[in-house]
C-alpha atoms as a PDB file:
ATOM      1  CA  MET A   1    -217.792 -16.396  -9.072  1.00  0.00           C
ATOM      2  CA  LYS A   2    -217.106 -19.369 -10.650  1.00  0.00           C
ATOM      3  CA  ASN A   3    -213.944 -18.015 -12.588  1.00  0.00           C
ATOM      4  CA  HIS A   4    -213.122 -16.086  -9.426  1.00  0.00           C
ATOM      5  CA  LEU A   5    -212.925 -19.105  -7.211  1.00  0.00           C
ATOM      6  CA  GLN A   6    -210.882 -20.348 -10.068  1.00  0.00           C
ATOM      7  CA  ARG A   7    -208.120 -17.783  -9.713  1.00  0.00           C
ATOM      8  CA  VAL A   8    -207.892 -17.859  -6.021  1.00  0.00           C
ATOM      9  CA  ILE A   9    -207.384 -21.654  -6.216  1.00  0.00           C
ATOM     10  CA  LEU A  10    -204.871 -21.550  -9.078  1.00  0.00           C
ATOM     11  CA  LEU A  11    -203.256 -18.641  -7.007  1.00  0.00           C
ATOM     12  CA  LEU A  12    -203.332 -20.787  -3.874  1.00  0.00           C
ATOM     13  CA  ILE A  13    -201.683 -23.314  -5.529  1.00  0.00           C
ATOM     14  CA  ILE A  14    -198.922 -20.730  -6.933  1.00  0.00           C
ATOM     15  CA  VAL A  15    -198.213 -19.422  -3.185  1.00  0.00           C
ATOM     16  CA  LEU A  16    -198.194 -23.254  -1.896  1.00  0.00           C
ATOM     17  CA  GLY A  17    -195.669 -24.373  -4.083  1.00  0.00           C
ATOM     18  CA  ASN A  18    -193.206 -20.970  -4.046  1.00  0.00           C
ATOM     19  CA  PHE A  19    -193.498 -21.944  -0.250  1.00  0.00           C
ATOM     20  CA  ALA A  20    -192.834 -25.721  -0.803  1.00  0.00           C
ATOM     21  CA  ALA A  21    -189.949 -25.120  -2.862  1.00  0.00           C
ATOM     22  CA  PHE A  22    -188.167 -23.004  -0.360  1.00  0.00           C
ATOM     23  CA  GLY A  23    -189.053 -24.819   2.435  1.00  0.00           C
ATOM     24  CA  GLN A  24    -187.085 -27.379   0.377  1.00  0.00           C
ATOM     25  CA  SER A  25    -184.351 -25.316  -0.295  1.00  0.00           C
ATOM     26  CA  LYS A  26    -183.116 -24.645   2.705  1.00  0.00           C
ATOM     27  CA  GLY A  27    -181.423 -27.032   5.153  1.00  0.00           C
ATOM     28  CA  ILE A  28    -177.752 -28.420   4.028  1.00  0.00           C
ATOM     29  CA  ASP A  29    -176.765 -29.270   1.108  1.00  0.00           C
ATOM     30  CA  PRO A  30    -177.160 -33.097   0.796  1.00  0.00           C
ATOM     31  CA  ALA A  31    -173.750 -33.360  -1.588  1.00  0.00           C
ATOM     32  CA  LEU A  32    -172.226 -30.984   1.078  1.00  0.00           C
ATOM     33  CA  LEU A  33    -173.541 -33.682   3.891  1.00  0.00           C
ATOM     34  CA  ALA A  34    -172.333 -36.278   1.903  1.00  0.00           C
ATOM     35  CA  ASN A  35    -168.938 -35.320   1.735  1.00  0.00           C
ATOM     36  CA  ALA A  36    -168.906 -34.061   5.395  1.00  0.00           C
ATOM     37  CA  ASN A  37    -169.539 -38.088   6.248  1.00  0.00           C
ATOM     38  CA  ALA A  38    -167.655 -39.549   3.992  1.00  0.00           C
ATOM     39  CA  GLY A  39    -164.768 -37.699   5.913  1.00  0.00           C
ATOM     40  CA  ASP A  40    -163.745 -34.441   3.936  1.00  0.00           C
ATOM     41  CA  ALA A  41    -162.592 -32.079   6.266  1.00  0.00           C
ATOM     42  CA  LYS A  42    -163.887 -29.147   4.120  1.00  0.00           C
ATOM     43  CA  SER A  43    -167.279 -30.170   4.140  1.00  0.00           C
ATOM     44  CA  GLN A  44    -166.787 -31.098   8.115  1.00  0.00           C
ATOM     45  CA  VAL A  45    -165.848 -27.691   8.661  1.00  0.00           C
ATOM     46  CA  GLU A  46    -169.263 -26.263   6.561  1.00  0.00           C
ATOM     47  CA  VAL A  47    -171.642 -28.699   8.447  1.00  0.00           C
ATOM     48  CA  GLY A  48    -170.357 -27.996  11.504  1.00  0.00           C
ATOM     49  CA  LYS A  49    -170.574 -24.276  10.771  1.00  0.00           C
ATOM     50  CA  ALA A  50    -173.683 -24.941  10.107  1.00  0.00           C
ATOM     51  CA  TYR A  51    -175.198 -26.255  13.046  1.00  0.00           C
ATOM     52  CA  PHE A  52    -173.521 -23.875  15.319  1.00  0.00           C
ATOM     53  CA  ALA A  53    -175.093 -21.467  13.152  1.00  0.00           C
ATOM     54  CA  GLY A  54    -179.069 -22.690  13.025  1.00  0.00           C
ATOM     55  CA  ASP A  55    -179.946 -20.620  10.253  1.00  0.00           C
ATOM     56  CA  ILE A  56    -180.470 -22.983   7.231  1.00  0.00           C
ATOM     57  CA  VAL A  57    -180.846 -26.062  10.393  1.00  0.00           C
ATOM     58  CA  PRO A  58    -181.971 -26.173  13.333  1.00  0.00           C
ATOM     59  CA  GLN A  59    -179.113 -25.329  15.578  1.00  0.00           C
ATOM     60  CA  ASN A  60    -177.471 -28.756  17.368  1.00  0.00           C
ATOM     61  CA  PHE A  61    -174.055 -27.315  19.154  1.00  0.00           C
ATOM     62  CA  GLY A  62    -173.535 -31.194  19.795  1.00  0.00           C
ATOM     63  CA  GLN A  63    -173.585 -31.826  15.890  1.00  0.00           C
ATOM     64  CA  ALA A  64    -171.170 -29.015  15.039  1.00  0.00           C
ATOM     65  CA  PHE A  65    -168.931 -29.693  17.550  1.00  0.00           C
ATOM     66  CA  ALA A  66    -168.443 -33.357  16.673  1.00  0.00           C
ATOM     67  CA  MET A  67    -167.960 -32.306  12.687  1.00  0.00           C
ATOM     68  CA  MET A  68    -165.776 -30.146  13.829  1.00  0.00           C
ATOM     69  CA  LYS A  69    -164.126 -31.874  16.084  1.00  0.00           C
ATOM     70  CA  LYS A  70    -163.604 -34.864  12.868  1.00  0.00           C
ATOM     71  CA  ALA A  71    -161.911 -31.753  10.738  1.00  0.00           C
ATOM     72  CA  ALA A  72    -159.844 -30.376  13.537  1.00  0.00           C
ATOM     73  CA  ASP A  73    -157.832 -34.231  14.081  1.00  0.00           C
ATOM     74  CA  GLN A  74    -157.621 -34.723  10.025  1.00  0.00           C
ATOM     75  CA  GLY A  75    -154.901 -30.892  10.553  1.00  0.00           C
ATOM     76  CA  ASN A  76    -157.714 -28.482   8.594  1.00  0.00           C
ATOM     77  CA  PRO A  77    -156.854 -25.174  10.019  1.00  0.00           C
ATOM     78  CA  GLU A  78    -159.720 -23.939   9.882  1.00  0.00           C
ATOM     79  CA  GLY A  79    -161.644 -26.671  11.991  1.00  0.00           C
ATOM     80  CA  GLU A  80    -158.450 -26.036  14.331  1.00  0.00           C
ATOM     81  CA  TYR A  81    -159.189 -22.510  14.931  1.00  0.00           C
ATOM     82  CA  LEU A  82    -162.898 -23.300  15.624  1.00  0.00           C
ATOM     83  CA  LEU A  83    -162.769 -26.768  17.705  1.00  0.00           C
ATOM     84  CA  GLY A  84    -160.644 -24.145  20.044  1.00  0.00           C
ATOM     85  CA  THR A  85    -163.474 -21.028  20.166  1.00  0.00           C
ATOM     86  CA  MET A  86    -166.102 -23.686  21.058  1.00  0.00           C
ATOM     87  CA  TYR A  87    -163.584 -24.873  23.786  1.00  0.00           C
ATOM     88  CA  GLY A  88    -162.845 -21.177  24.858  1.00  0.00           C
ATOM     89  CA  VAL A  89    -164.980 -17.883  24.180  1.00  0.00           C
ATOM     90  CA  ASP A  90    -168.175 -20.287  22.992  1.00  0.00           C
ATOM     91  CA  ALA A  91    -168.277 -22.617  25.460  1.00  0.00           C
ATOM     92  CA  LYS A  92    -170.605 -21.230  27.818  1.00  0.00           C
ATOM     93  CA  ARG A  93    -173.167 -20.430  24.876  1.00  0.00           C
ATOM     94  CA  MET A  94    -172.913 -24.147  23.751  1.00  0.00           C
ATOM     95  CA  GLY A  95    -173.260 -25.604  27.801  1.00  0.00           C
ATOM     96  CA  ILE A  96    -170.307 -26.924  27.622  1.00  0.00           C
ATOM     97  CA  ALA A  97    -167.492 -27.005  30.503  1.00  0.00           C
ATOM     98  CA  GLU A  98    -165.007 -23.626  29.264  1.00  0.00           C
ATOM     99  CA  ASP A  99    -161.145 -25.358  28.675  1.00  0.00           C
ATOM    100  CA  TYR A 100    -158.690 -22.943  27.618  1.00  0.00           C
ATOM    101  CA  THR A 101    -155.546 -25.377  27.711  1.00  0.00           C
ATOM    102  CA  GLN A 102    -157.694 -27.292  25.012  1.00  0.00           C
ATOM    103  CA  ALA A 103    -158.973 -23.910  23.491  1.00  0.00           C
ATOM    104  CA  ALA A 104    -154.536 -22.844  23.043  1.00  0.00           C
ATOM    105  CA  SER A 105    -153.295 -26.304  22.513  1.00  0.00           C
ATOM    106  CA  TRP A 106    -155.808 -26.258  18.945  1.00  0.00           C
ATOM    107  CA  TYR A 107    -154.952 -22.777  18.151  1.00  0.00           C
ATOM    108  CA  ARG A 108    -151.686 -23.614  18.051  1.00  0.00           C
ATOM    109  CA  LYS A 109    -152.077 -26.353  15.563  1.00  0.00           C
ATOM    110  CA  ALA A 110    -153.648 -23.904  12.915  1.00  0.00           C
ATOM    111  CA  ALA A 111    -151.381 -21.209  14.093  1.00  0.00           C
ATOM    112  CA  GLU A 112    -148.701 -23.226  13.028  1.00  0.00           C
ATOM    113  CA  GLN A 113    -150.181 -23.519   9.725  1.00  0.00           C
ATOM    114  CA  GLY A 114    -150.751 -19.981   9.557  1.00  0.00           C
ATOM    115  CA  TYR A 115    -154.229 -19.395  10.554  1.00  0.00           C
ATOM    116  CA  ALA A 116    -153.999 -15.712  11.210  1.00  0.00           C
ATOM    117  CA  ASP A 117    -157.336 -15.806  13.303  1.00  0.00           C
ATOM    118  CA  ALA A 118    -155.818 -18.521  15.211  1.00  0.00           C
ATOM    119  CA  GLN A 119    -152.215 -16.945  15.545  1.00  0.00           C
ATOM    120  CA  PHE A 120    -154.477 -13.370  16.945  1.00  0.00           C
ATOM    121  CA  SER A 121    -156.460 -16.286  19.549  1.00  0.00           C
ATOM    122  CA  LEU A 122    -153.081 -18.197  20.442  1.00  0.00           C
ATOM    123  CA  GLY A 123    -151.852 -14.600  20.753  1.00  0.00           C
ATOM    124  CA  TYR A 124    -154.517 -13.148  23.315  1.00  0.00           C
ATOM    125  CA  LEU A 125    -154.308 -15.692  25.263  1.00  0.00           C
ATOM    126  CA  TYR A 126    -150.480 -15.729  25.781  1.00  0.00           C
ATOM    127  CA  SER A 127    -151.176 -11.539  26.449  1.00  0.00           C
ATOM    128  CA  VAL A 128    -154.369 -12.655  29.734  1.00  0.00           C
ATOM    129  CA  GLY A 129    -152.140 -15.609  30.739  1.00  0.00           C
ATOM    130  CA  THR A 130    -155.805 -18.354  29.857  1.00  0.00           C
ATOM    131  CA  GLY A 131    -154.682 -21.133  29.010  1.00  0.00           C
ATOM    132  CA  VAL A 132    -150.895 -20.572  28.749  1.00  0.00           C
ATOM    133  CA  ASN A 133    -148.666 -19.236  31.335  1.00  0.00           C
ATOM    134  CA  GLN A 134    -148.719 -15.124  30.671  1.00  0.00           C
ATOM    135  CA  ASP A 135    -145.764 -14.406  28.186  1.00  0.00           C
ATOM    136  CA  HIS A 136    -145.973 -11.335  27.004  1.00  0.00           C
ATOM    137  CA  SER A 137    -142.718 -11.707  24.481  1.00  0.00           C
ATOM    138  CA  GLN A 138    -145.289 -14.809  22.669  1.00  0.00           C
ATOM    139  CA  ALA A 139    -148.488 -12.071  22.579  1.00  0.00           C
ATOM    140  CA  ALA A 140    -146.824  -9.923  20.937  1.00  0.00           C
ATOM    141  CA  SER A 141    -144.919 -12.715  18.428  1.00  0.00           C
ATOM    142  CA  TRP A 142    -148.362 -14.540  17.357  1.00  0.00           C
ATOM    143  CA  TYR A 143    -149.655 -11.070  17.404  1.00  0.00           C
ATOM    144  CA  ARG A 144    -147.004  -9.975  14.421  1.00  0.00           C
ATOM    145  CA  LYS A 145    -147.781 -12.773  12.278  1.00  0.00           C
ATOM    146  CA  ALA A 146    -151.811 -12.722  11.963  1.00  0.00           C
ATOM    147  CA  ALA A 147    -150.825  -8.873  11.635  1.00  0.00           C
ATOM    148  CA  GLU A 148    -147.879  -9.284   8.711  1.00  0.00           C
ATOM    149  CA  GLN A 149    -151.234 -11.026   7.307  1.00  0.00           C
ATOM    150  CA  GLY A 150    -153.944  -8.291   7.149  1.00  0.00           C
ATOM    151  CA  ASN A 151    -155.745  -9.078  10.382  1.00  0.00           C
ATOM    152  CA  ALA A 152    -157.460  -6.467  11.813  1.00  0.00           C
ATOM    153  CA  SER A 153    -157.353  -6.954  15.230  1.00  0.00           C
ATOM    154  CA  ALA A 154    -154.028  -8.343  15.736  1.00  0.00           C
ATOM    155  CA  GLN A 155    -152.379  -4.751  14.145  1.00  0.00           C
ATOM    156  CA  TYR A 156    -154.681  -3.024  16.685  1.00  0.00           C
ATOM    157  CA  ASN A 157    -152.499  -5.704  19.824  1.00  0.00           C
ATOM    158  CA  LEU A 158    -149.509  -4.812  18.042  1.00  0.00           C
ATOM    159  CA  GLY A 159    -150.059  -1.615  18.141  1.00  0.00           C
ATOM    160  CA  HIS A 160    -151.093  -1.655  21.356  1.00  0.00           C
ATOM    161  CA  SER A 161    -148.018  -3.704  22.591  1.00  0.00           C
ATOM    162  CA  TYR A 162    -145.642  -1.502  20.893  1.00  0.00           C
ATOM    163  CA  GLU A 163    -147.354   1.601  22.961  1.00  0.00           C
ATOM    164  CA  PHE A 164    -146.904   0.139  26.348  1.00  0.00           C
ATOM    165  CA  GLY A 165    -144.085  -1.994  25.953  1.00  0.00           C
ATOM    166  CA  GLU A 166    -145.071  -5.234  26.311  1.00  0.00           C
ATOM    167  CA  GLY A 167    -143.486  -7.840  24.812  1.00  0.00           C
ATOM    168  CA  VAL A 168    -141.722  -5.512  22.831  1.00  0.00           C
ATOM    169  CA  ALA A 169    -139.694  -2.333  23.158  1.00  0.00           C
ATOM    170  CA  LYS A 170    -141.996   0.459  23.234  1.00  0.00           C
ATOM    171  CA  ASP A 171    -142.333   2.441  20.203  1.00  0.00           C
ATOM    172  CA  TYR A 172    -144.397   4.641  19.296  1.00  0.00           C
ATOM    173  CA  LYS A 173    -143.765   5.371  15.733  1.00  0.00           C
ATOM    174  CA  GLU A 174    -144.164   1.718  15.460  1.00  0.00           C
ATOM    175  CA  ALA A 175    -147.617   1.746  17.592  1.00  0.00           C
ATOM    176  CA  ALA A 176    -148.780   4.165  15.190  1.00  0.00           C
ATOM    177  CA  ALA A 177    -147.816   2.259  12.146  1.00  0.00           C
ATOM    178  CA  TRP A 178    -150.152  -0.567  13.119  1.00  0.00           C
ATOM    179  CA  TYR A 179    -152.969   1.700  14.827  1.00  0.00           C
ATOM    180  CA  ARG A 180    -152.694   2.568  11.550  1.00  0.00           C
ATOM    181  CA  LYS A 181    -153.136  -0.378   9.004  1.00  0.00           C
ATOM    182  CA  SER A 182    -155.919  -1.324  11.418  1.00  0.00           C
ATOM    183  CA  ALA A 183    -157.580   1.658  11.293  1.00  0.00           C
ATOM    184  CA  ASP A 184    -157.433   2.352   7.715  1.00  0.00           C
ATOM    185  CA  GLN A 185    -159.318  -1.320   7.956  1.00  0.00           C
ATOM    186  CA  GLY A 186    -162.777  -0.054   9.630  1.00  0.00           C
ATOM    187  CA  ASP A 187    -161.678  -0.718  13.612  1.00  0.00           C
ATOM    188  CA  SER A 188    -162.130   1.509  16.491  1.00  0.00           C
ATOM    189  CA  ALA A 189    -160.312   0.526  19.041  1.00  0.00           C
ATOM    190  CA  ALA A 190    -157.107   1.692  16.664  1.00  0.00           C
ATOM    191  CA  GLN A 191    -158.918   4.831  14.983  1.00  0.00           C
ATOM    192  CA  PHE A 192    -158.921   5.696  19.114  1.00  0.00           C
ATOM    193  CA  SER A 193    -155.621   4.681  19.742  1.00  0.00           C
ATOM    194  CA  LEU A 194    -154.249   6.849  16.929  1.00  0.00           C
ATOM    195  CA  GLY A 195    -155.589   9.443  17.907  1.00  0.00           C
ATOM    196  CA  THR A 196    -154.726   9.600  21.210  1.00  0.00           C
ATOM    197  CA  LEU A 197    -151.139   9.142  20.028  1.00  0.00           C
ATOM    198  CA  TYR A 198    -151.694  12.286  18.027  1.00  0.00           C
ATOM    199  CA  ASP A 199    -153.034  14.305  21.103  1.00  0.00           C
ATOM    200  CA  SER A 200    -150.958  13.438  23.641  1.00  0.00           C
ATOM    201  CA  GLY A 201    -147.648  13.745  21.659  1.00  0.00           C
ATOM    202  CA  ASN A 202    -145.888  10.706  22.420  1.00  0.00           C
ATOM    203  CA  GLY A 203    -143.193   9.871  20.240  1.00  0.00           C
ATOM    204  CA  GLY A 204    -142.534  13.375  18.461  1.00  0.00           C
ATOM    205  CA  LEU A 205    -145.881  12.646  16.584  1.00  0.00           C
ATOM    206  CA  GLN A 206    -148.522  15.583  18.393  1.00  0.00           C
ATOM    207  CA  ASP A 207    -150.770  16.536  15.395  1.00  0.00           C
ATOM    208  CA  HIS A 208    -154.087  17.675  17.723  1.00  0.00           C
ATOM    209  CA  VAL A 209    -156.150  17.928  13.497  1.00  0.00           C
ATOM    210  CA  LEU A 210    -155.199  14.399  12.679  1.00  0.00           C
ATOM    211  CA  ALA A 211    -155.938  13.187  16.015  1.00  0.00           C
ATOM    212  CA  ALA A 212    -159.699  14.934  16.434  1.00  0.00           C
ATOM    213  CA  GLU A 213    -159.929  13.352  12.432  1.00  0.00           C
ATOM    214  CA  TRP A 214    -159.372  10.043  14.143  1.00  0.00           C
ATOM    215  CA  TYR A 215    -161.666  10.261  16.933  1.00  0.00           C
ATOM    216  CA  ARG A 216    -164.306  11.139  14.448  1.00  0.00           C
ATOM    217  CA  LYS A 217    -164.143   7.775  13.040  1.00  0.00           C
ATOM    218  CA  SER A 218    -164.013   5.741  15.765  1.00  0.00           C
ATOM    219  CA  ALA A 219    -166.548   8.109  17.928  1.00  0.00           C
ATOM    220  CA  ASP A 220    -168.906   7.637  14.566  1.00  0.00           C
ATOM    221  CA  GLN A 221    -168.742   4.152  14.778  1.00  0.00           C
ATOM    222  CA  GLY A 222    -170.061   4.562  18.437  1.00  0.00           C
ATOM    223  CA  ASP A 223    -167.107   4.388  20.380  1.00  0.00           C
ATOM    224  CA  GLN A 224    -167.706   6.280  24.004  1.00  0.00           C
ATOM    225  CA  TYR A 225    -164.587   7.525  25.124  1.00  0.00           C
ATOM    226  CA  ALA A 226    -163.449   8.821  21.070  1.00  0.00           C
ATOM    227  CA  GLN A 227    -166.683  10.136  21.430  1.00  0.00           C
ATOM    228  CA  PHE A 228    -165.511  11.662  25.050  1.00  0.00           C
ATOM    229  CA  TYR A 229    -162.209  12.762  24.089  1.00  0.00           C
ATOM    230  CA  LEU A 230    -164.001  14.225  20.140  1.00  0.00           C
ATOM    231  CA  ALA A 231    -166.439  16.576  22.654  1.00  0.00           C
ATOM    232  CA  LEU A 232    -162.799  17.583  25.060  1.00  0.00           C
ATOM    233  CA  SER A 233    -161.298  18.415  21.061  1.00  0.00           C
ATOM    234  CA  TYR A 234    -164.375  21.176  20.475  1.00  0.00           C
ATOM    235  CA  GLU A 235    -164.546  22.159  24.004  1.00  0.00           C
ATOM    236  CA  LYS A 236    -160.943  23.412  23.781  1.00  0.00           C
ATOM    237  CA  GLY A 237    -161.240  24.102  20.572  1.00  0.00           C
ATOM    238  CA  GLU A 238    -158.208  21.818  19.386  1.00  0.00           C
ATOM    239  CA  GLY A 239    -157.578  20.479  15.737  1.00  0.00           C
ATOM    240  CA  VAL A 240    -161.127  21.567  15.468  1.00  0.00           C
ATOM    241  CA  LYS A 241    -162.951  24.680  15.842  1.00  0.00           C
ATOM    242  CA  GLN A 242    -164.094  25.591  19.101  1.00  0.00           C
ATOM    243  CA  ASP A 243    -167.992  24.409  19.269  1.00  0.00           C
ATOM    244  CA  TYR A 244    -169.483  24.111  22.228  1.00  0.00           C
ATOM    245  CA  THR A 245    -172.763  23.051  21.083  1.00  0.00           C
ATOM    246  CA  GLN A 246    -170.816  19.831  19.080  1.00  0.00           C
ATOM    247  CA  SER A 247    -168.872  19.671  22.516  1.00  0.00           C
ATOM    248  CA  ALA A 248    -171.980  19.214  24.047  1.00  0.00           C
ATOM    249  CA  THR A 249    -173.236  16.659  21.457  1.00  0.00           C
ATOM    250  CA  TRP A 250    -170.458  14.665  21.739  1.00  0.00           C
ATOM    251  CA  TYR A 251    -170.740  14.342  25.595  1.00  0.00           C
ATOM    252  CA  ARG A 252    -174.251  13.277  25.220  1.00  0.00           C
ATOM    253  CA  LYS A 253    -173.478  10.460  23.093  1.00  0.00           C
ATOM    254  CA  ALA A 254    -170.773   9.320  24.848  1.00  0.00           C
ATOM    255  CA  ALA A 255    -172.917   9.959  28.138  1.00  0.00           C
ATOM    256  CA  ASP A 256    -176.021   7.681  27.029  1.00  0.00           C
ATOM    257  CA  GLN A 257    -173.262   5.521  26.951  1.00  0.00           C
ATOM    258  CA  GLY A 258    -172.340   5.655  30.881  1.00  0.00           C
ATOM    259  CA  ASN A 259    -169.470   7.057  30.073  1.00  0.00           C
ATOM    260  CA  ALA A 260    -168.421   9.496  33.583  1.00  0.00           C
ATOM    261  CA  ASP A 261    -166.586  11.681  32.909  1.00  0.00           C
ATOM    262  CA  ALA A 262    -168.582  12.645  29.654  1.00  0.00           C
ATOM    263  CA  GLU A 263    -171.614  12.696  32.526  1.00  0.00           C
ATOM    264  CA  LEU A 264    -169.284  14.998  34.673  1.00  0.00           C
ATOM    265  CA  ASN A 265    -168.887  17.235  31.703  1.00  0.00           C
ATOM    266  CA  LEU A 266    -171.882  17.467  30.593  1.00  0.00           C
ATOM    267  CA  GLY A 267    -173.826  18.248  33.249  1.00  0.00           C
ATOM    268  CA  LEU A 268    -171.055  20.888  33.754  1.00  0.00           C
ATOM    269  CA  ALA A 269    -172.000  22.445  30.312  1.00  0.00           C
ATOM    270  CA  TYR A 270    -175.539  22.435  31.280  1.00  0.00           C
ATOM    271  CA  TYR A 271    -174.891  24.490  34.511  1.00  0.00           C
ATOM    272  CA  HIS A 272    -172.606  27.107  32.710  1.00  0.00           C
ATOM    273  CA  GLY A 273    -175.556  26.400  29.418  1.00  0.00           C
ATOM    274  CA  GLN A 274    -172.012  25.930  27.039  1.00  0.00           C
ATOM    275  CA  GLY A 275    -173.755  24.690  24.079  1.00  0.00           C
ATOM    276  CA  LEU A 276    -176.754  24.261  25.394  1.00  0.00           C
ATOM    277  CA  THR A 277    -179.652  26.078  27.520  1.00  0.00           C
ATOM    278  CA  GLN A 278    -178.242  26.553  30.849  1.00  0.00           C
ATOM    279  CA  SER A 279    -180.841  23.910  33.382  1.00  0.00           C
ATOM    280  CA  ASN A 280    -179.766  23.462  36.509  1.00  0.00           C
ATOM    281  CA  VAL A 281    -181.865  20.259  36.973  1.00  0.00           C
ATOM    282  CA  GLU A 282    -179.765  18.475  33.581  1.00  0.00           C
ATOM    283  CA  ALA A 283    -176.371  19.842  35.547  1.00  0.00           C
ATOM    284  CA  TYR A 284    -177.087  18.322  39.076  1.00  0.00           C
ATOM    285  CA  PHE A 285    -179.121  14.637  37.133  1.00  0.00           C
ATOM    286  CA  TRP A 286    -176.010  14.664  34.912  1.00  0.00           C
ATOM    287  CA  ILE A 287    -173.225  15.259  37.682  1.00  0.00           C
ATOM    288  CA  LEU A 288    -175.270  12.563  40.369  1.00  0.00           C
ATOM    289  CA  LEU A 289    -175.465  10.000  37.518  1.00  0.00           C
ATOM    290  CA  ALA A 290    -171.184  10.871  37.521  1.00  0.00           C
ATOM    291  CA  VAL A 291    -170.404  10.352  41.088  1.00  0.00           C
ATOM    292  CA  PRO A 292    -170.207   6.301  41.471  1.00  0.00           C
ATOM    293  CA  GLY A 293    -167.663   6.110  38.270  1.00  0.00           C
ATOM    294  CA  LEU A 294    -165.403   8.739  39.075  1.00  0.00           C
ATOM    295  CA  SER A 295    -162.399   8.227  41.357  1.00  0.00           C
ATOM    296  CA  GLY A 296    -159.816  10.336  43.394  1.00  0.00           C
ATOM    297  CA  ASP A 297    -159.645  14.203  42.892  1.00  0.00           C
ATOM    298  CA  ASP A 298    -161.833  13.748  39.860  1.00  0.00           C
ATOM    299  CA  LYS A 299    -164.902  11.946  42.330  1.00  0.00           C
ATOM    300  CA  ALA A 300    -164.224  14.380  44.962  1.00  0.00           C
ATOM    301  CA  SER A 301    -164.639  17.430  42.515  1.00  0.00           C
ATOM    302  CA  ALA A 302    -167.781  16.681  40.996  1.00  0.00           C
ATOM    303  CA  VAL A 303    -169.392  15.313  44.893  1.00  0.00           C
ATOM    304  CA  GLN A 304    -168.879  19.380  46.013  1.00  0.00           C
ATOM    305  CA  SER A 305    -170.677  19.715  41.905  1.00  0.00           C
ATOM    306  CA  ARG A 306    -173.461  17.592  43.016  1.00  0.00           C
ATOM    307  CA  ASP A 307    -173.907  18.585  46.532  1.00  0.00           C
ATOM    308  CA  PHE A 308    -173.646  22.559  45.358  1.00  0.00           C
ATOM    309  CA  LEU A 309    -176.016  22.455  42.383  1.00  0.00           C
ATOM    310  CA  ALA A 310    -178.533  19.931  44.831  1.00  0.00           C
ATOM    311  CA  GLY A 311    -178.586  23.164  46.821  1.00  0.00           C
ATOM    312  CA  LYS A 312    -180.112  25.374  44.207  1.00  0.00           C
ATOM    313  CA  LEU A 313    -182.942  22.584  43.552  1.00  0.00           C
ATOM    314  CA  SER A 314    -186.220  22.261  45.462  1.00  0.00           C
ATOM    315  CA  ALA A 315    -187.416  19.505  47.241  1.00  0.00           C
ATOM    316  CA  GLN A 316    -189.433  17.770  43.978  1.00  0.00           C
ATOM    317  CA  GLU A 317    -187.259  18.816  41.722  1.00  0.00           C
ATOM    318  CA  LEU A 318    -184.450  16.903  44.053  1.00  0.00           C
ATOM    319  CA  ALA A 319    -187.040  13.980  44.212  1.00  0.00           C
ATOM    320  CA  ASP A 320    -188.084  14.170  40.819  1.00  0.00           C
ATOM    321  CA  VAL A 321    -184.208  13.628  39.563  1.00  0.00           C
ATOM    322  CA  GLN A 322    -183.327  10.910  41.916  1.00  0.00           C
ATOM    323  CA  THR A 323    -186.124   8.877  40.597  1.00  0.00           C
ATOM    324  CA  ARG A 324    -185.003   9.766  37.036  1.00  0.00           C
ATOM    325  CA  ALA A 325    -181.864   8.291  38.035  1.00  0.00           C
ATOM    326  CA  THR A 326    -182.830   4.970  39.925  1.00  0.00           C
ATOM    327  CA  ASN A 327    -184.642   4.583  36.466  1.00  0.00           C
ATOM    328  CA  TRP A 328    -181.237   5.046  34.675  1.00  0.00           C
ATOM    329  CA  PHE A 329    -179.059   3.552  36.785  1.00  0.00           C
ATOM    330  CA  SER A 330    -181.907   0.369  36.312  1.00  0.00           C
ATOM    331  CA  GLU A 331    -181.751   0.858  32.907  1.00  0.00           C
ATOM    332  CA  HIS A 332    -178.112   0.887  32.213  1.00  0.00           C
END
């Protein structure tokens, strides 16, 4: 009994010792903190990021801002960029007033030093006209600088600029080239957009097989629009072998994200028993969900289908579907 108790005590000492060592390993490295307090800009950025994240020290936005401001004031490009985000996209989270004029100013300082994330962010502000006067030419110019450094978001936005002629002359081949660079880095929006270019054939690029391949890459990442268009490809048999089961599966994935077009097509698939078991109840449910998100002729057609299906259901079925729909709208 005594030996057993000694073993338990020894084990407890080891566990507590390990826990204490773990606790000591947490926190900002003293040398890093000393360097930051001594004025080293790179150290100030790292300490500021630690306070912002709150992983190794208690989160402290005030300390994060103060450290980042010190680094930015010394011309550190990462500090300038991150200070810009604190004035902009992170301001609400930090509990401070948004000031996109300041954000743009700090982005510009970092961008002029070649900091790609700042170049992209400044381009975006020019694109939407926030903190600066809207200027699509400036937006495209800054996107290009970041894109040429491999920034995937900038590559996508530059592709978008070329596709729609915003700040540059419309050029579908250039759009495809920049989308491809971004898509190859895994950007789901670029993968989807590249798919739509191949699908539409704009610029002589039509290739339904490639369109379906890029839709799938994006759809696999959860992009609801890519999921819808991949479902459409399977329904029509464009770029893939016609497969109504696959079509219904992908419509469902998009519909589960609230995509109204997918909800409508899923409802129609249920009505026709196309790729799944025929069900007027399910058809009515999904078309009922779709109607608020549609417009124009699509909405008018959906309303007709909804009302037609309502006539095929019992009062209890209608009531049950209405309850399901109410719950759905409250959850999505």
